[in-house]
Amino acid sequence: PDIWGDLVNWPAPETAPYRLIGAAMLAFGASSVLAYREVDWD
């Protein structure tokens, strides 16, 4: 998060909140993988 923040000009003064967002993004991505594997809308 610190390297990315510096690269995009949005510094991460504290990395823990950014890492938490990263973990949430990975969880949402995993839910998309699991959903992709299903065929039943319900």
PDB file of all heavy atoms in Angstrom:
ATOM      1  N   PRO A   1       0.808  -1.230   0.000  1.00  0.00           N
ATOM      2  CA  PRO A   1       0.000   0.000   0.000  1.00  0.00           C
ATOM      3  C   PRO A   1       0.836   1.273   0.000  1.00  0.00           C
ATOM      4  O   PRO A   1       0.452   2.263  -0.625  1.00  0.00           O
ATOM      5  CB  PRO A   1      -0.825  -0.110   1.286  1.00  0.00           C
ATOM      6  CG  PRO A   1      -0.034  -1.002   2.171  1.00  0.00           C
ATOM      7  CD  PRO A   1       0.647  -1.977   1.242  1.00  0.00           C
ATOM      8  N   ASP A   2       1.983   1.242   0.671  1.00  0.00           N
ATOM      9  CA  ASP A   2       2.826   2.440   0.719  1.00  0.00           C
ATOM     10  C   ASP A   2       3.457   2.734  -0.646  1.00  0.00           C
ATOM     11  O   ASP A   2       3.483   3.879  -1.092  1.00  0.00           O
ATOM     12  CB  ASP A   2       3.898   2.312   1.799  1.00  0.00           C
ATOM     13  CG  ASP A   2       4.583   0.956   1.809  1.00  0.00           C
ATOM     14  OD1 ASP A   2       4.151   0.042   1.074  1.00  0.00           O
ATOM     15  OD2 ASP A   2       5.564   0.798   2.558  1.00  0.00           O
ATOM     16  N   ILE A   3       3.932   1.712  -1.325  1.00  0.00           N
ATOM     17  CA  ILE A   3       4.527   1.892  -2.657  1.00  0.00           C
ATOM     18  C   ILE A   3       3.463   2.362  -3.640  1.00  0.00           C
ATOM     19  O   ILE A   3       3.676   3.307  -4.407  1.00  0.00           O
ATOM     20  CB  ILE A   3       5.188   0.580  -3.144  1.00  0.00           C
ATOM     21  CG1 ILE A   3       6.377   0.233  -2.242  1.00  0.00           C
ATOM     22  CG2 ILE A   3       5.621   0.692  -4.603  1.00  0.00           C
ATOM     23  CD1 ILE A   3       6.948  -1.153  -2.478  1.00  0.00           C
ATOM     24  N   TRP A   4       2.301   1.703  -3.632  1.00  0.00           N
ATOM     25  CA  TRP A   4       1.208   2.084  -4.536  1.00  0.00           C
ATOM     26  C   TRP A   4       0.755   3.514  -4.235  1.00  0.00           C
ATOM     27  O   TRP A   4       0.538   4.303  -5.161  1.00  0.00           O
ATOM     28  CB  TRP A   4       0.049   1.101  -4.407  1.00  0.00           C
ATOM     29  CG  TRP A   4      -1.117   1.448  -5.281  1.00  0.00           C
ATOM     30  CD1 TRP A   4      -2.314   1.958  -4.892  1.00  0.00           C
ATOM     31  CD2 TRP A   4      -1.195   1.318  -6.697  1.00  0.00           C
ATOM     32  NE1 TRP A   4      -3.132   2.147  -5.972  1.00  0.00           N
ATOM     33  CE2 TRP A   4      -2.470   1.759  -7.100  1.00  0.00           C
ATOM     34  CE3 TRP A   4      -0.304   0.863  -7.681  1.00  0.00           C
ATOM     35  CZ2 TRP A   4      -2.881   1.771  -8.431  1.00  0.00           C
ATOM     36  CZ3 TRP A   4      -0.729   0.871  -9.010  1.00  0.00           C
ATOM     37  CH2 TRP A   4      -1.992   1.319  -9.369  1.00  0.00           C
ATOM     38  N   GLY A   5       0.591   3.848  -2.973  1.00  0.00           N
ATOM     39  CA  GLY A   5       0.157   5.186  -2.596  1.00  0.00           C
ATOM     40  C   GLY A   5       1.106   6.262  -3.105  1.00  0.00           C
ATOM     41  O   GLY A   5       0.665   7.303  -3.610  1.00  0.00           O
ATOM     42  N   ASP A   6       2.388   6.008  -2.989  1.00  0.00           N
ATOM     43  CA  ASP A   6       3.375   6.971  -3.502  1.00  0.00           C
ATOM     44  C   ASP A   6       3.318   7.046  -5.031  1.00  0.00           C
ATOM     45  O   ASP A   6       3.431   8.121  -5.611  1.00  0.00           O
ATOM     46  CB  ASP A   6       4.789   6.578  -3.064  1.00  0.00           C
ATOM     47  CG  ASP A   6       5.004   6.766  -1.566  1.00  0.00           C
ATOM     48  OD1 ASP A   6       4.208   7.497  -0.926  1.00  0.00           O
ATOM     49  OD2 ASP A   6       5.961   6.166  -1.036  1.00  0.00           O
ATOM     50  N   LEU A   7       3.117   5.915  -5.681  1.00  0.00           N
ATOM     51  CA  LEU A   7       3.073   5.863  -7.139  1.00  0.00           C
ATOM     52  C   LEU A   7       1.890   6.644  -7.713  1.00  0.00           C
ATOM     53  O   LEU A   7       2.023   7.322  -8.736  1.00  0.00           O
ATOM     54  CB  LEU A   7       3.006   4.399  -7.604  1.00  0.00           C
ATOM     55  CG  LEU A   7       3.070   4.143  -9.096  1.00  0.00           C
ATOM     56  CD1 LEU A   7       4.429   4.550  -9.644  1.00  0.00           C
ATOM     57  CD2 LEU A   7       2.808   2.676  -9.384  1.00  0.00           C
ATOM     58  N   VAL A   8       0.734   6.572  -7.056  1.00  0.00           N
ATOM     59  CA  VAL A   8      -0.477   7.223  -7.572  1.00  0.00           C
ATOM     60  C   VAL A   8      -0.759   8.567  -6.887  1.00  0.00           C
ATOM     61  O   VAL A   8      -1.831   9.137  -7.052  1.00  0.00           O
ATOM     62  CB  VAL A   8      -1.710   6.298  -7.485  1.00  0.00           C
ATOM     63  CG1 VAL A   8      -1.501   5.048  -8.307  1.00  0.00           C
ATOM     64  CG2 VAL A   8      -2.061   5.968  -6.040  1.00  0.00           C
ATOM     65  N   ASN A   9       0.193   9.031  -6.101  1.00  0.00           N
ATOM     66  CA  ASN A   9       0.070  10.316  -5.409  1.00  0.00           C
ATOM     67  C   ASN A   9      -1.086  10.338  -4.404  1.00  0.00           C
ATOM     68  O   ASN A   9      -1.755  11.346  -4.238  1.00  0.00           O
ATOM     69  CB  ASN A   9      -0.065  11.464  -6.420  1.00  0.00           C
ATOM     70  CG  ASN A   9       0.206  12.803  -5.798  1.00  0.00           C
ATOM     71  OD1 ASN A   9       0.999  12.915  -4.865  1.00  0.00           O
ATOM     72  ND2 ASN A   9      -0.460  13.836  -6.288  1.00  0.00           N
ATOM     73  N   TRP A  10      -1.320   9.207  -3.761  1.00  0.00           N
ATOM     74  CA  TRP A  10      -2.323   9.112  -2.697  1.00  0.00           C
ATOM     75  C   TRP A  10      -1.674   8.328  -1.560  1.00  0.00           C
ATOM     76  O   TRP A  10      -1.982   7.158  -1.328  1.00  0.00           O
ATOM     77  CB  TRP A  10      -3.568   8.408  -3.192  1.00  0.00           C
ATOM     78  CG  TRP A  10      -4.826   8.760  -2.456  1.00  0.00           C
ATOM     79  CD1 TRP A  10      -4.947   9.471  -1.317  1.00  0.00           C
ATOM     80  CD2 TRP A  10      -6.149   8.386  -2.833  1.00  0.00           C
ATOM     81  NE1 TRP A  10      -6.259   9.584  -0.962  1.00  0.00           N
ATOM     82  CE2 TRP A  10      -7.028   8.924  -1.876  1.00  0.00           C
ATOM     83  CE3 TRP A  10      -6.683   7.649  -3.877  1.00  0.00           C
ATOM     84  CZ2 TRP A  10      -8.404   8.749  -1.930  1.00  0.00           C
ATOM     85  CZ3 TRP A  10      -8.041   7.479  -3.941  1.00  0.00           C
ATOM     86  CH2 TRP A  10      -8.897   8.029  -2.978  1.00  0.00           C
ATOM     87  N   PRO A  11      -0.735   8.975  -0.852  1.00  0.00           N
ATOM     88  CA  PRO A  11       0.074   8.279   0.151  1.00  0.00           C
ATOM     89  C   PRO A  11      -0.764   7.600   1.235  1.00  0.00           C
ATOM     90  O   PRO A  11      -1.849   8.060   1.575  1.00  0.00           O
ATOM     91  CB  PRO A  11       0.929   9.382   0.764  1.00  0.00           C
ATOM     92  CG  PRO A  11       0.825  10.546  -0.142  1.00  0.00           C
ATOM     93  CD  PRO A  11      -0.445  10.403  -0.901  1.00  0.00           C
ATOM     94  N   ALA A  12      -0.211   6.537   1.750  1.00  0.00           N
ATOM     95  CA  ALA A  12      -0.840   5.782   2.833  1.00  0.00           C
ATOM     96  C   ALA A  12      -0.102   6.111   4.124  1.00  0.00           C
ATOM     97  O   ALA A  12       0.882   5.462   4.449  1.00  0.00           O
ATOM     98  CB  ALA A  12      -0.771   4.286   2.535  1.00  0.00           C
ATOM     99  N   PRO A  13      -0.572   7.123   4.885  1.00  0.00           N
ATOM    100  CA  PRO A  13       0.139   7.491   6.113  1.00  0.00           C
ATOM    101  C   PRO A  13       0.176   6.345   7.117  1.00  0.00           C
ATOM    102  O   PRO A  13       1.136   6.196   7.859  1.00  0.00           O
ATOM    103  CB  PRO A  13      -0.638   8.683   6.659  1.00  0.00           C
ATOM    104  CG  PRO A  13      -1.927   8.699   5.935  1.00  0.00           C
ATOM    105  CD  PRO A  13      -1.752   7.920   4.671  1.00  0.00           C
ATOM    106  N   GLU A  14      -0.868   5.551   7.134  1.00  0.00           N
ATOM    107  CA  GLU A  14      -0.906   4.332   7.943  1.00  0.00           C
ATOM    108  C   GLU A  14      -1.354   3.214   7.022  1.00  0.00           C
ATOM    109  O   GLU A  14      -2.363   3.340   6.336  1.00  0.00           O
ATOM    110  CB  GLU A  14      -1.877   4.485   9.113  1.00  0.00           C
ATOM    111  CG  GLU A  14      -1.449   5.537  10.106  1.00  0.00           C
ATOM    112  CD  GLU A  14      -2.374   5.586  11.298  1.00  0.00           C
ATOM    113  OE1 GLU A  14      -2.950   4.557  11.660  1.00  0.00           O
ATOM    114  OE2 GLU A  14      -2.516   6.675  11.860  1.00  0.00           O
ATOM    115  N   THR A  15      -0.623   2.134   7.014  1.00  0.00           N
ATOM    116  CA  THR A  15      -0.920   1.081   6.044  1.00  0.00           C
ATOM    117  C   THR A  15      -2.025   0.125   6.488  1.00  0.00           C
ATOM    118  O   THR A  15      -2.636  -0.525   5.650  1.00  0.00           O
ATOM    119  CB  THR A  15       0.342   0.274   5.708  1.00  0.00           C
ATOM    120  OG1 THR A  15       0.864  -0.290   6.907  1.00  0.00           O
ATOM    121  CG2 THR A  15       1.383   1.142   5.027  1.00  0.00           C
ATOM    122  N   ALA A  16      -2.307   0.029   7.769  1.00  0.00           N
ATOM    123  CA  ALA A  16      -3.309  -0.941   8.241  1.00  0.00           C
ATOM    124  C   ALA A  16      -4.678  -0.765   7.586  1.00  0.00           C
ATOM    125  O   ALA A  16      -5.269  -1.760   7.130  1.00  0.00           O
ATOM    126  CB  ALA A  16      -3.421  -0.899   9.767  1.00  0.00           C
ATOM    127  N   PRO A  17      -5.221   0.454   7.472  1.00  0.00           N
ATOM    128  CA  PRO A  17      -6.532   0.590   6.808  1.00  0.00           C
ATOM    129  C   PRO A  17      -6.486   0.176   5.338  1.00  0.00           C
ATOM    130  O   PRO A  17      -7.439  -0.421   4.827  1.00  0.00           O
ATOM    131  CB  PRO A  17      -6.860   2.079   6.943  1.00  0.00           C
ATOM    132  CG  PRO A  17      -6.041   2.563   8.077  1.00  0.00           C
ATOM    133  CD  PRO A  17      -4.799   1.718   8.075  1.00  0.00           C
ATOM    134  N   TYR A  18      -5.383   0.467   4.668  1.00  0.00           N
ATOM    135  CA  TYR A  18      -5.242   0.075   3.267  1.00  0.00           C
ATOM    136  C   TYR A  18      -5.161  -1.447   3.140  1.00  0.00           C
ATOM    137  O   TYR A  18      -5.726  -2.040   2.229  1.00  0.00           O
ATOM    138  CB  TYR A  18      -4.009   0.732   2.647  1.00  0.00           C
ATOM    139  CG  TYR A  18      -4.187   2.210   2.425  1.00  0.00           C
ATOM    140  CD1 TYR A  18      -4.008   3.114   3.466  1.00  0.00           C
ATOM    141  CD2 TYR A  18      -4.553   2.700   1.190  1.00  0.00           C
ATOM    142  CE1 TYR A  18      -4.185   4.473   3.275  1.00  0.00           C
ATOM    143  CE2 TYR A  18      -4.735   4.049   0.978  1.00  0.00           C
ATOM    144  CZ  TYR A  18      -4.551   4.939   2.028  1.00  0.00           C
ATOM    145  OH  TYR A  18      -4.740   6.277   1.838  1.00  0.00           O
ATOM    146  N   ARG A  19      -4.448  -2.067   4.039  1.00  0.00           N
ATOM    147  CA  ARG A  19      -4.346  -3.530   4.031  1.00  0.00           C
ATOM    148  C   ARG A  19      -5.715  -4.169   4.309  1.00  0.00           C
ATOM    149  O   ARG A  19      -6.063  -5.195   3.723  1.00  0.00           O
ATOM    150  CB  ARG A  19      -3.316  -4.004   5.044  1.00  0.00           C
ATOM    151  CG  ARG A  19      -1.895  -3.621   4.668  1.00  0.00           C
ATOM    152  CD  ARG A  19      -0.883  -4.124   5.704  1.00  0.00           C
ATOM    153  NE  ARG A  19       0.391  -3.466   5.583  1.00  0.00           N
ATOM    154  CZ  ARG A  19       1.315  -3.746   4.668  1.00  0.00           C
ATOM    155  NH1 ARG A  19       1.099  -4.688   3.789  1.00  0.00           N
ATOM    156  NH2 ARG A  19       2.454  -3.081   4.654  1.00  0.00           N
ATOM    157  N   LEU A  20      -6.485  -3.545   5.172  1.00  0.00           N
ATOM    158  CA  LEU A  20      -7.834  -4.033   5.452  1.00  0.00           C
ATOM    159  C   LEU A  20      -8.708  -3.939   4.199  1.00  0.00           C
ATOM    160  O   LEU A  20      -9.463  -4.867   3.883  1.00  0.00           O
ATOM    161  CB  LEU A  20      -8.454  -3.231   6.601  1.00  0.00           C
ATOM    162  CG  LEU A  20      -9.827  -3.680   7.086  1.00  0.00           C
ATOM    163  CD1 LEU A  20      -9.790  -5.111   7.595  1.00  0.00           C
ATOM    164  CD2 LEU A  20     -10.322  -2.739   8.175  1.00  0.00           C
ATOM    165  N   ILE A  21      -8.592  -2.837   3.463  1.00  0.00           N
ATOM    166  CA  ILE A  21      -9.317  -2.687   2.200  1.00  0.00           C
ATOM    167  C   ILE A  21      -8.863  -3.759   1.215  1.00  0.00           C
ATOM    168  O   ILE A  21      -9.674  -4.353   0.507  1.00  0.00           O
ATOM    169  CB  ILE A  21      -9.120  -1.276   1.615  1.00  0.00           C
ATOM    170  CG1 ILE A  21      -9.829  -0.246   2.497  1.00  0.00           C
ATOM    171  CG2 ILE A  21      -9.611  -1.195   0.174  1.00  0.00           C
ATOM    172  CD1 ILE A  21      -9.449   1.193   2.201  1.00  0.00           C
ATOM    173  N   GLY A  22      -7.563  -4.019   1.176  1.00  0.00           N
ATOM    174  CA  GLY A  22      -7.046  -5.073   0.304  1.00  0.00           C
ATOM    175  C   GLY A  22      -7.624  -6.428   0.651  1.00  0.00           C
ATOM    176  O   GLY A  22      -8.012  -7.197  -0.228  1.00  0.00           O
ATOM    177  N   ALA A  23      -7.703  -6.729   1.945  1.00  0.00           N
ATOM    178  CA  ALA A  23      -8.292  -8.006   2.370  1.00  0.00           C
ATOM    179  C   ALA A  23      -9.758  -8.081   1.965  1.00  0.00           C
ATOM    180  O   ALA A  23     -10.230  -9.129   1.500  1.00  0.00           O
ATOM    181  CB  ALA A  23      -8.145  -8.165   3.888  1.00  0.00           C
ATOM    182  N   ALA A  24     -10.483  -6.975   2.115  1.00  0.00           N
ATOM    183  CA  ALA A  24     -11.898  -6.955   1.720  1.00  0.00           C
ATOM    184  C   ALA A  24     -12.039  -7.160   0.213  1.00  0.00           C
ATOM    185  O   ALA A  24     -12.917  -7.909  -0.240  1.00  0.00           O
ATOM    186  CB  ALA A  24     -12.543  -5.638   2.143  1.00  0.00           C
ATOM    187  N   MET A  25     -11.171  -6.529  -0.557  1.00  0.00           N
ATOM    188  CA  MET A  25     -11.219  -6.707  -2.011  1.00  0.00           C
ATOM    189  C   MET A  25     -10.966  -8.163  -2.393  1.00  0.00           C
ATOM    190  O   MET A  25     -11.631  -8.709  -3.281  1.00  0.00           O
ATOM    191  CB  MET A  25     -10.193  -5.808  -2.701  1.00  0.00           C
ATOM    192  CG  MET A  25     -10.556  -4.360  -2.711  1.00  0.00           C
ATOM    193  SD  MET A  25      -9.246  -3.440  -3.538  1.00  0.00           S
ATOM    194  CE  MET A  25      -9.933  -1.816  -3.535  1.00  0.00           C
ATOM    195  N   LEU A  26     -10.010  -8.780  -1.735  1.00  0.00           N
ATOM    196  CA  LEU A  26      -9.739 -10.195  -2.007  1.00  0.00           C
ATOM    197  C   LEU A  26     -10.939 -11.067  -1.640  1.00  0.00           C
ATOM    198  O   LEU A  26     -11.267 -12.019  -2.357  1.00  0.00           O
ATOM    199  CB  LEU A  26      -8.485 -10.653  -1.266  1.00  0.00           C
ATOM    200  CG  LEU A  26      -7.182 -10.062  -1.789  1.00  0.00           C
ATOM    201  CD1 LEU A  26      -6.022 -10.426  -0.869  1.00  0.00           C
ATOM    202  CD2 LEU A  26      -6.905 -10.510  -3.215  1.00  0.00           C
ATOM    203  N   ALA A  27     -11.614 -10.726  -0.548  1.00  0.00           N
ATOM    204  CA  ALA A  27     -12.807 -11.481  -0.154  1.00  0.00           C
ATOM    205  C   ALA A  27     -13.928 -11.317  -1.184  1.00  0.00           C
ATOM    206  O   ALA A  27     -14.588 -12.293  -1.551  1.00  0.00           O
ATOM    207  CB  ALA A  27     -13.281 -11.027   1.228  1.00  0.00           C
ATOM    208  N   PHE A  28     -14.126 -10.083  -1.658  1.00  0.00           N
ATOM    209  CA  PHE A  28     -15.147  -9.864  -2.694  1.00  0.00           C
ATOM    210  C   PHE A  28     -14.774 -10.603  -3.978  1.00  0.00           C
ATOM    211  O   PHE A  28     -15.633 -11.159  -4.655  1.00  0.00           O
ATOM    212  CB  PHE A  28     -15.330  -8.369  -2.974  1.00  0.00           C
ATOM    213  CG  PHE A  28     -16.207  -7.677  -1.984  1.00  0.00           C
ATOM    214  CD1 PHE A  28     -15.685  -6.702  -1.151  1.00  0.00           C
ATOM    215  CD2 PHE A  28     -17.555  -7.990  -1.870  1.00  0.00           C
ATOM    216  CE1 PHE A  28     -16.489  -6.048  -0.228  1.00  0.00           C
ATOM    217  CE2 PHE A  28     -18.367  -7.344  -0.956  1.00  0.00           C
ATOM    218  CZ  PHE A  28     -17.832  -6.375  -0.126  1.00  0.00           C
ATOM    219  N   GLY A  29     -13.490 -10.607  -4.305  1.00  0.00           N
ATOM    220  CA  GLY A  29     -13.039 -11.354  -5.479  1.00  0.00           C
ATOM    221  C   GLY A  29     -13.277 -12.848  -5.321  1.00  0.00           C
ATOM    222  O   GLY A  29     -13.711 -13.526  -6.258  1.00  0.00           O
ATOM    223  N   ALA A  30     -13.012 -13.362  -4.128  1.00  0.00           N
ATOM    224  CA  ALA A  30     -13.251 -14.789  -3.866  1.00  0.00           C
ATOM    225  C   ALA A  30     -14.735 -15.106  -3.978  1.00  0.00           C
ATOM    226  O   ALA A  30     -15.113 -16.159  -4.512  1.00  0.00           O
ATOM    227  CB  ALA A  30     -12.726 -15.164  -2.479  1.00  0.00           C
ATOM    228  N   SER A  31     -15.587 -14.195  -3.514  1.00  0.00           N
ATOM    229  CA  SER A  31     -17.028 -14.447  -3.628  1.00  0.00           C
ATOM    230  C   SER A  31     -17.450 -14.474  -5.092  1.00  0.00           C
ATOM    231  O   SER A  31     -18.334 -15.244  -5.478  1.00  0.00           O
ATOM    232  CB  SER A  31     -17.842 -13.415  -2.839  1.00  0.00           C
ATOM    233  OG  SER A  31     -17.822 -12.151  -3.454  1.00  0.00           O
ATOM    234  N   SER A  32     -16.801 -13.677  -5.930  1.00  0.00           N
ATOM    235  CA  SER A  32     -17.104 -13.711  -7.359  1.00  0.00           C
ATOM    236  C   SER A  32     -16.662 -15.030  -7.988  1.00  0.00           C
ATOM    237  O   SER A  32     -17.345 -15.566  -8.867  1.00  0.00           O
ATOM    238  CB  SER A  32     -16.454 -12.526  -8.086  1.00  0.00           C
ATOM    239  OG  SER A  32     -17.200 -11.354  -7.880  1.00  0.00           O
ATOM    240  N   VAL A  33     -15.526 -15.552  -7.551  1.00  0.00           N
ATOM    241  CA  VAL A  33     -15.072 -16.857  -8.048  1.00  0.00           C
ATOM    242  C   VAL A  33     -16.073 -17.946  -7.651  1.00  0.00           C
ATOM    243  O   VAL A  33     -16.470 -18.779  -8.470  1.00  0.00           O
ATOM    244  CB  VAL A  33     -13.665 -17.208  -7.518  1.00  0.00           C
ATOM    245  CG1 VAL A  33     -13.303 -18.657  -7.811  1.00  0.00           C
ATOM    246  CG2 VAL A  33     -12.628 -16.256  -8.107  1.00  0.00           C
ATOM    247  N   LEU A  34     -16.488 -17.916  -6.393  1.00  0.00           N
ATOM    248  CA  LEU A  34     -17.456 -18.916  -5.928  1.00  0.00           C
ATOM    249  C   LEU A  34     -18.781 -18.779  -6.664  1.00  0.00           C
ATOM    250  O   LEU A  34     -19.406 -19.784  -7.037  1.00  0.00           O
ATOM    251  CB  LEU A  34     -17.664 -18.785  -4.414  1.00  0.00           C
ATOM    252  CG  LEU A  34     -16.440 -19.100  -3.561  1.00  0.00           C
ATOM    253  CD1 LEU A  34     -16.709 -18.749  -2.104  1.00  0.00           C
ATOM    254  CD2 LEU A  34     -16.040 -20.555  -3.715  1.00  0.00           C
ATOM    255  N   ALA A  35     -19.215 -17.549  -6.896  1.00  0.00           N
ATOM    256  CA  ALA A  35     -20.475 -17.326  -7.611  1.00  0.00           C
ATOM    257  C   ALA A  35     -20.355 -17.770  -9.061  1.00  0.00           C
ATOM    258  O   ALA A  35     -21.300 -18.341  -9.620  1.00  0.00           O
ATOM    259  CB  ALA A  35     -20.867 -15.858  -7.532  1.00  0.00           C
ATOM    260  N   TYR A  36     -19.212 -17.532  -9.681  1.00  0.00           N
ATOM    261  CA  TYR A  36     -18.998 -17.957 -11.065  1.00  0.00           C
ATOM    262  C   TYR A  36     -19.200 -19.464 -11.220  1.00  0.00           C
ATOM    263  O   TYR A  36     -19.703 -19.939 -12.225  1.00  0.00           O
ATOM    264  CB  TYR A  36     -17.588 -17.567 -11.523  1.00  0.00           C
ATOM    265  CG  TYR A  36     -17.211 -18.198 -12.840  1.00  0.00           C
ATOM    266  CD1 TYR A  36     -17.655 -17.650 -14.032  1.00  0.00           C
ATOM    267  CD2 TYR A  36     -16.423 -19.354 -12.887  1.00  0.00           C
ATOM    268  CE1 TYR A  36     -17.334 -18.241 -15.248  1.00  0.00           C
ATOM    269  CE2 TYR A  36     -16.092 -19.938 -14.084  1.00  0.00           C
ATOM    270  CZ  TYR A  36     -16.553 -19.379 -15.266  1.00  0.00           C
ATOM    271  OH  TYR A  36     -16.238 -19.967 -16.460  1.00  0.00           O
ATOM    272  N   ARG A  37     -18.827 -20.208 -10.211  1.00  0.00           N
ATOM    273  CA  ARG A  37     -18.904 -21.669 -10.269  1.00  0.00           C
ATOM    274  C   ARG A  37     -20.324 -22.199 -10.141  1.00  0.00           C
ATOM    275  O   ARG A  37     -20.569 -23.376 -10.404  1.00  0.00           O
ATOM    276  CB  ARG A  37     -18.012 -22.261  -9.184  1.00  0.00           C
ATOM    277  CG  ARG A  37     -16.533 -21.892  -9.410  1.00  0.00           C
ATOM    278  CD  ARG A  37     -15.661 -22.366  -8.313  1.00  0.00           C
ATOM    279  NE  ARG A  37     -15.804 -23.802  -8.167  1.00  0.00           N
ATOM    280  CZ  ARG A  37     -15.161 -24.536  -7.278  1.00  0.00           C
ATOM    281  NH1 ARG A  37     -14.327 -23.951  -6.453  1.00  0.00           N
ATOM    282  NH2 ARG A  37     -15.350 -25.814  -7.196  1.00  0.00           N
ATOM    283  N   GLU A  38     -21.266 -21.344  -9.748  1.00  0.00           N
ATOM    284  CA  GLU A  38     -22.655 -21.755  -9.582  1.00  0.00           C
ATOM    285  C   GLU A  38     -23.444 -21.516 -10.866  1.00  0.00           C
ATOM    286  O   GLU A  38     -23.118 -20.616 -11.637  1.00  0.00           O
ATOM    287  CB  GLU A  38     -23.309 -20.972  -8.436  1.00  0.00           C
ATOM    288  CG  GLU A  38     -22.735 -21.274  -7.081  1.00  0.00           C
ATOM    289  CD  GLU A  38     -23.034 -22.690  -6.593  1.00  0.00           C
ATOM    290  OE1 GLU A  38     -23.981 -23.322  -7.109  1.00  0.00           O
ATOM    291  OE2 GLU A  38     -22.317 -23.155  -5.694  1.00  0.00           O
ATOM    292  N   VAL A  39     -24.482 -22.292 -11.064  1.00  0.00           N
ATOM    293  CA  VAL A  39     -25.371 -22.083 -12.208  1.00  0.00           C
ATOM    294  C   VAL A  39     -26.778 -21.691 -11.757  1.00  0.00           C
ATOM    295  O   VAL A  39     -27.551 -21.147 -12.531  1.00  0.00           O
ATOM    296  CB  VAL A  39     -25.453 -23.337 -13.108  1.00  0.00           C
ATOM    297  CG1 VAL A  39     -24.109 -23.600 -13.777  1.00  0.00           C
ATOM    298  CG2 VAL A  39     -25.923 -24.547 -12.346  1.00  0.00           C
ATOM    299  N   ASP A  40     -27.091 -21.947 -10.515  1.00  0.00           N
ATOM    300  CA  ASP A  40     -28.417 -21.670  -9.965  1.00  0.00           C
ATOM    301  C   ASP A  40     -28.471 -20.238  -9.438  1.00  0.00           C
ATOM    302  O   ASP A  40     -27.693 -19.855  -8.563  1.00  0.00           O
ATOM    303  CB  ASP A  40     -28.707 -22.679  -8.842  1.00  0.00           C
ATOM    304  CG  ASP A  40     -30.066 -22.527  -8.220  1.00  0.00           C
ATOM    305  OD1 ASP A  40     -30.881 -21.731  -8.736  1.00  0.00           O
ATOM    306  OD2 ASP A  40     -30.327 -23.213  -7.208  1.00  0.00           O
ATOM    307  N   TRP A  41     -29.396 -19.448  -9.973  1.00  0.00           N
ATOM    308  CA  TRP A  41     -29.539 -18.045  -9.587  1.00  0.00           C
ATOM    309  C   TRP A  41     -29.727 -17.879  -8.084  1.00  0.00           C
ATOM    310  O   TRP A  41     -29.174 -16.962  -7.486  1.00  0.00           O
ATOM    311  CB  TRP A  41     -30.703 -17.419 -10.351  1.00  0.00           C
ATOM    312  CG  TRP A  41     -31.075 -16.064  -9.864  1.00  0.00           C
ATOM    313  CD1 TRP A  41     -32.205 -15.715  -9.196  1.00  0.00           C
ATOM    314  CD2 TRP A  41     -30.301 -14.866  -9.985  1.00  0.00           C
ATOM    315  NE1 TRP A  41     -32.188 -14.377  -8.890  1.00  0.00           N
ATOM    316  CE2 TRP A  41     -31.027 -13.826  -9.362  1.00  0.00           C
ATOM    317  CE3 TRP A  41     -29.066 -14.564 -10.542  1.00  0.00           C
ATOM    318  CZ2 TRP A  41     -30.566 -12.526  -9.296  1.00  0.00           C
ATOM    319  CZ3 TRP A  41     -28.609 -13.261 -10.471  1.00  0.00           C
ATOM    320  CH2 TRP A  41     -29.351 -12.263  -9.856  1.00  0.00           C
ATOM    321  N   ASP A  42     -30.509 -18.744  -7.475  1.00  0.00           N
ATOM    322  CA  ASP A  42     -30.784 -18.622  -6.047  1.00  0.00           C
ATOM    323  C   ASP A  42     -29.530 -18.745  -5.182  1.00  0.00           C
ATOM    324  O   ASP A  42     -29.506 -18.275  -4.054  1.00  0.00           O
ATOM    325  CB  ASP A  42     -31.817 -19.661  -5.606  1.00  0.00           C
ATOM    326  CG  ASP A  42     -33.193 -19.380  -6.177  1.00  0.00           C
ATOM    327  OD1 ASP A  42     -33.477 -18.193  -6.480  1.00  0.00           O
ATOM    328  OD2 ASP A  42     -33.988 -20.322  -6.334  1.00  0.00           O
TER     329      ASP A  42
END
